[in-house]
Each structure stands twice: as C-alpha cells, then as structure tokens.
Amino acid sequence: MTKKHFIAIARIISQIDNNTIRRNVRDDFCEMFRKENSRFDRQRFVDAVDGERAMQKKLDALPGWPRGAKIGG
C-alpha cells in the first residue's frame, strides 16, 4: 500500500460519526496494517484519522458551509 492509500482510508474512517465505532474500525485497520508491515506507524495513522475529523468539525462550524460537505470530494 502507498501513502495515498493510507490517507484515503484515514479520511473514510474519519467520516464515521459514532465515536466508538470509529475507534473500533480505526484500531482494526491499525492491527491489519501492523500485521502486513512491521514498520507501520500506528500513531501517525491515528493522528491522520483524528486530524481529518477535526478538520471536518471546523468546516461544519463555518457560517454558510453545508454541514458534512467535503473539500475535494
């Protein structure tokens, strides 16, 4: 897998609204990635998921921004 694959998966996971489900899905992916690649950086992936989530919350708070609308997609 390439960096762009990890980024795409982090973005998809970050869109899960339920906190418990999002963490469980994120952690399941982390486990799978670690088994496939011993150099997988779990914290970097977690930060990417959380960062995408934080960005979406900021966008949703903008006046006139359609709730849930994404940049570039």
N, C-alpha and C. Protein backbone atom coordinates (compact mmCIF):
# COMPACT_ATOMS: atom_id res chain seq x y z
N MET A 1 0.84 -1.18 0.00
CA MET A 1 0.00 0.00 0.00
C MET A 1 0.88 1.24 0.00
N THR A 2 0.36 2.28 -0.63
CA THR A 2 1.11 3.53 -0.69
C THR A 2 0.55 4.53 0.31
N LYS A 3 1.26 5.62 0.47
CA LYS A 3 0.83 6.69 1.38
C LYS A 3 -0.57 7.17 1.00
N LYS A 4 -0.85 7.29 -0.28
CA LYS A 4 -2.17 7.78 -0.67
C LYS A 4 -3.29 6.82 -0.26
N HIS A 5 -2.99 5.51 -0.20
CA HIS A 5 -3.99 4.55 0.26
C HIS A 5 -4.29 4.76 1.75
N PHE A 6 -3.23 4.94 2.54
CA PHE A 6 -3.42 5.17 3.98
C PHE A 6 -4.21 6.45 4.22
N ILE A 7 -3.90 7.50 3.46
CA ILE A 7 -4.61 8.78 3.60
C ILE A 7 -6.08 8.61 3.25
N ALA A 8 -6.36 7.92 2.16
CA ALA A 8 -7.75 7.70 1.75
C ALA A 8 -8.52 6.92 2.81
N ILE A 9 -7.91 5.89 3.37
CA ILE A 9 -8.57 5.09 4.40
C ILE A 9 -8.80 5.93 5.65
N ALA A 10 -7.82 6.74 6.05
CA ALA A 10 -7.98 7.62 7.22
C ALA A 10 -9.14 8.58 7.01
N ARG A 11 -9.26 9.13 5.80
CA ARG A 11 -10.38 10.05 5.52
C ARG A 11 -11.72 9.36 5.62
N ILE A 12 -11.80 8.15 5.10
CA ILE A 12 -13.06 7.41 5.16
C ILE A 12 -13.42 7.10 6.61
N ILE A 13 -12.46 6.63 7.39
CA ILE A 13 -12.72 6.30 8.80
C ILE A 13 -13.14 7.55 9.56
N SER A 14 -12.52 8.69 9.26
CA SER A 14 -12.82 9.92 10.00
C SER A 14 -14.26 10.37 9.80
N GLN A 15 -14.93 9.89 8.76
CA GLN A 15 -16.31 10.28 8.49
C GLN A 15 -17.34 9.49 9.29
N ILE A 16 -16.90 8.50 10.03
CA ILE A 16 -17.81 7.72 10.87
C ILE A 16 -18.20 8.59 12.08
N ASP A 17 -19.48 8.85 12.24
CA ASP A 17 -19.94 9.77 13.29
C ASP A 17 -19.86 9.18 14.69
N ASN A 18 -20.15 7.91 14.83
CA ASN A 18 -20.16 7.28 16.14
C ASN A 18 -18.72 7.08 16.63
N ASN A 19 -18.38 7.70 17.78
CA ASN A 19 -17.01 7.66 18.29
C ASN A 19 -16.52 6.23 18.54
N THR A 20 -17.36 5.42 19.15
CA THR A 20 -16.96 4.05 19.49
C THR A 20 -16.70 3.24 18.23
N ILE A 21 -17.61 3.33 17.29
CA ILE A 21 -17.45 2.59 16.04
C ILE A 21 -16.22 3.09 15.29
N ARG A 22 -16.03 4.43 15.23
CA ARG A 22 -14.87 4.98 14.52
C ARG A 22 -13.57 4.46 15.13
N ARG A 23 -13.46 4.48 16.47
CA ARG A 23 -12.24 3.98 17.13
C ARG A 23 -12.04 2.49 16.87
N ASN A 24 -13.12 1.72 16.91
CA ASN A 24 -13.00 0.28 16.67
C ASN A 24 -12.54 -0.01 15.25
N VAL A 25 -13.13 0.68 14.28
CA VAL A 25 -12.73 0.49 12.88
C VAL A 25 -11.28 0.91 12.69
N ARG A 26 -10.93 2.09 13.24
CA ARG A 26 -9.54 2.58 13.15
C ARG A 26 -8.57 1.57 13.74
N ASP A 27 -8.89 1.06 14.92
CA ASP A 27 -8.00 0.11 15.59
C ASP A 27 -7.89 -1.21 14.83
N ASP A 28 -9.00 -1.65 14.23
CA ASP A 28 -8.97 -2.87 13.41
C ASP A 28 -8.05 -2.69 12.20
N PHE A 29 -8.15 -1.53 11.55
CA PHE A 29 -7.26 -1.26 10.43
C PHE A 29 -5.81 -1.20 10.89
N CYS A 30 -5.57 -0.56 12.02
CA CYS A 30 -4.20 -0.48 12.55
C CYS A 30 -3.61 -1.87 12.78
N GLU A 31 -4.40 -2.74 13.34
CA GLU A 31 -3.94 -4.11 13.59
C GLU A 31 -3.62 -4.83 12.27
N MET A 32 -4.50 -4.67 11.28
CA MET A 32 -4.27 -5.30 9.99
C MET A 32 -3.01 -4.73 9.33
N PHE A 33 -2.84 -3.39 9.37
CA PHE A 33 -1.68 -2.77 8.76
C PHE A 33 -0.39 -3.21 9.44
N ARG A 34 -0.42 -3.33 10.77
CA ARG A 34 0.77 -3.75 11.51
C ARG A 34 1.17 -5.18 11.16
N LYS A 35 0.18 -6.05 10.98
CA LYS A 35 0.47 -7.44 10.60
C LYS A 35 1.09 -7.51 9.21
N GLU A 36 0.67 -6.62 8.32
CA GLU A 36 1.19 -6.59 6.95
C GLU A 36 2.54 -5.89 6.85
N ASN A 37 2.78 -4.94 7.75
CA ASN A 37 4.01 -4.13 7.67
C ASN A 37 4.49 -3.80 9.08
N SER A 38 5.57 -4.42 9.50
CA SER A 38 6.07 -4.21 10.87
C SER A 38 6.52 -2.77 11.11
N ARG A 39 6.73 -2.01 10.05
CA ARG A 39 7.14 -0.61 10.19
C ARG A 39 5.96 0.36 10.21
N PHE A 40 4.73 -0.19 10.18
CA PHE A 40 3.54 0.65 10.20
C PHE A 40 3.55 1.53 11.44
N ASP A 41 3.31 2.83 11.25
CA ASP A 41 3.32 3.80 12.34
C ASP A 41 1.89 4.05 12.80
N ARG A 42 1.49 3.33 13.83
CA ARG A 42 0.12 3.41 14.33
C ARG A 42 -0.25 4.83 14.74
N GLN A 43 0.62 5.49 15.48
CA GLN A 43 0.29 6.83 15.97
C GLN A 43 0.09 7.82 14.83
N ARG A 44 0.88 7.69 13.81
CA ARG A 44 0.74 8.57 12.65
C ARG A 44 -0.62 8.37 11.98
N PHE A 45 -1.07 7.12 11.89
CA PHE A 45 -2.37 6.83 11.29
C PHE A 45 -3.50 7.36 12.18
N VAL A 46 -3.39 7.12 13.50
CA VAL A 46 -4.39 7.64 14.45
C VAL A 46 -4.47 9.16 14.34
N ASP A 47 -3.33 9.82 14.28
CA ASP A 47 -3.30 11.28 14.14
C ASP A 47 -3.96 11.73 12.85
N ALA A 48 -3.77 10.95 11.78
CA ALA A 48 -4.38 11.29 10.49
C ALA A 48 -5.90 11.18 10.58
N VAL A 49 -6.40 10.11 11.18
CA VAL A 49 -7.85 9.95 11.35
C VAL A 49 -8.40 11.09 12.19
N ASP A 50 -7.76 11.36 13.33
CA ASP A 50 -8.25 12.42 14.23
C ASP A 50 -8.13 13.79 13.59
N GLY A 51 -7.08 14.01 12.81
CA GLY A 51 -6.90 15.28 12.13
C GLY A 51 -7.96 15.54 11.09
N GLU A 52 -8.31 14.51 10.33
CA GLU A 52 -9.38 14.63 9.35
C GLU A 52 -10.70 14.95 10.04
N ARG A 53 -10.93 14.30 11.16
CA ARG A 53 -12.17 14.51 11.92
C ARG A 53 -12.23 15.95 12.44
N ALA A 54 -11.12 16.44 12.97
CA ALA A 54 -11.07 17.80 13.50
C ALA A 54 -11.30 18.82 12.38
N MET A 55 -10.71 18.58 11.21
CA MET A 55 -10.89 19.49 10.09
C MET A 55 -12.35 19.54 9.67
N GLN A 56 -13.01 18.39 9.63
CA GLN A 56 -14.42 18.37 9.24
C GLN A 56 -15.27 19.15 10.24
N LYS A 57 -14.97 19.02 11.52
CA LYS A 57 -15.73 19.77 12.54
C LYS A 57 -15.55 21.27 12.34
N LYS A 58 -14.33 21.71 12.00
CA LYS A 58 -14.07 23.13 11.76
C LYS A 58 -14.84 23.61 10.54
N LEU A 59 -14.86 22.81 9.48
CA LEU A 59 -15.60 23.18 8.29
C LEU A 59 -17.09 23.30 8.58
N ASP A 60 -17.62 22.33 9.33
CA ASP A 60 -19.04 22.33 9.65
C ASP A 60 -19.43 23.56 10.48
N ALA A 61 -18.48 24.12 11.22
CA ALA A 61 -18.77 25.28 12.06
C ALA A 61 -18.73 26.60 11.28
N LEU A 62 -18.23 26.58 10.05
CA LEU A 62 -18.17 27.80 9.26
C LEU A 62 -19.56 28.26 8.85
N PRO A 63 -19.85 29.54 9.02
CA PRO A 63 -21.16 30.06 8.58
C PRO A 63 -21.33 29.85 7.08
N GLY A 64 -22.44 29.32 6.69
CA GLY A 64 -22.73 29.11 5.28
C GLY A 64 -22.15 27.83 4.69
N TRP A 65 -21.30 27.12 5.45
CA TRP A 65 -20.74 25.86 4.95
C TRP A 65 -21.77 24.76 5.14
N PRO A 66 -22.12 24.05 4.06
CA PRO A 66 -23.11 22.99 4.19
C PRO A 66 -22.59 21.87 5.09
N ARG A 67 -23.31 21.58 6.15
CA ARG A 67 -22.87 20.55 7.11
C ARG A 67 -22.57 19.25 6.40
N GLY A 68 -21.37 18.71 6.67
CA GLY A 68 -20.95 17.44 6.10
C GLY A 68 -20.34 17.54 4.71
N ALA A 69 -20.34 18.76 4.14
CA ALA A 69 -19.73 18.93 2.81
C ALA A 69 -18.23 18.75 2.92
N LYS A 70 -17.65 18.11 1.93
CA LYS A 70 -16.23 17.81 1.94
C LYS A 70 -15.48 18.69 0.96
N ILE A 71 -14.23 18.94 1.24
CA ILE A 71 -13.37 19.64 0.30
C ILE A 71 -12.83 18.61 -0.68
N GLY A 72 -12.98 18.87 -1.94
CA GLY A 72 -12.42 17.97 -2.96
C GLY A 72 -13.12 16.64 -3.07
N GLY A 73 -14.33 16.54 -2.61
CA GLY A 73 -14.99 15.27 -2.76
C GLY A 73 -16.30 15.25 -2.25
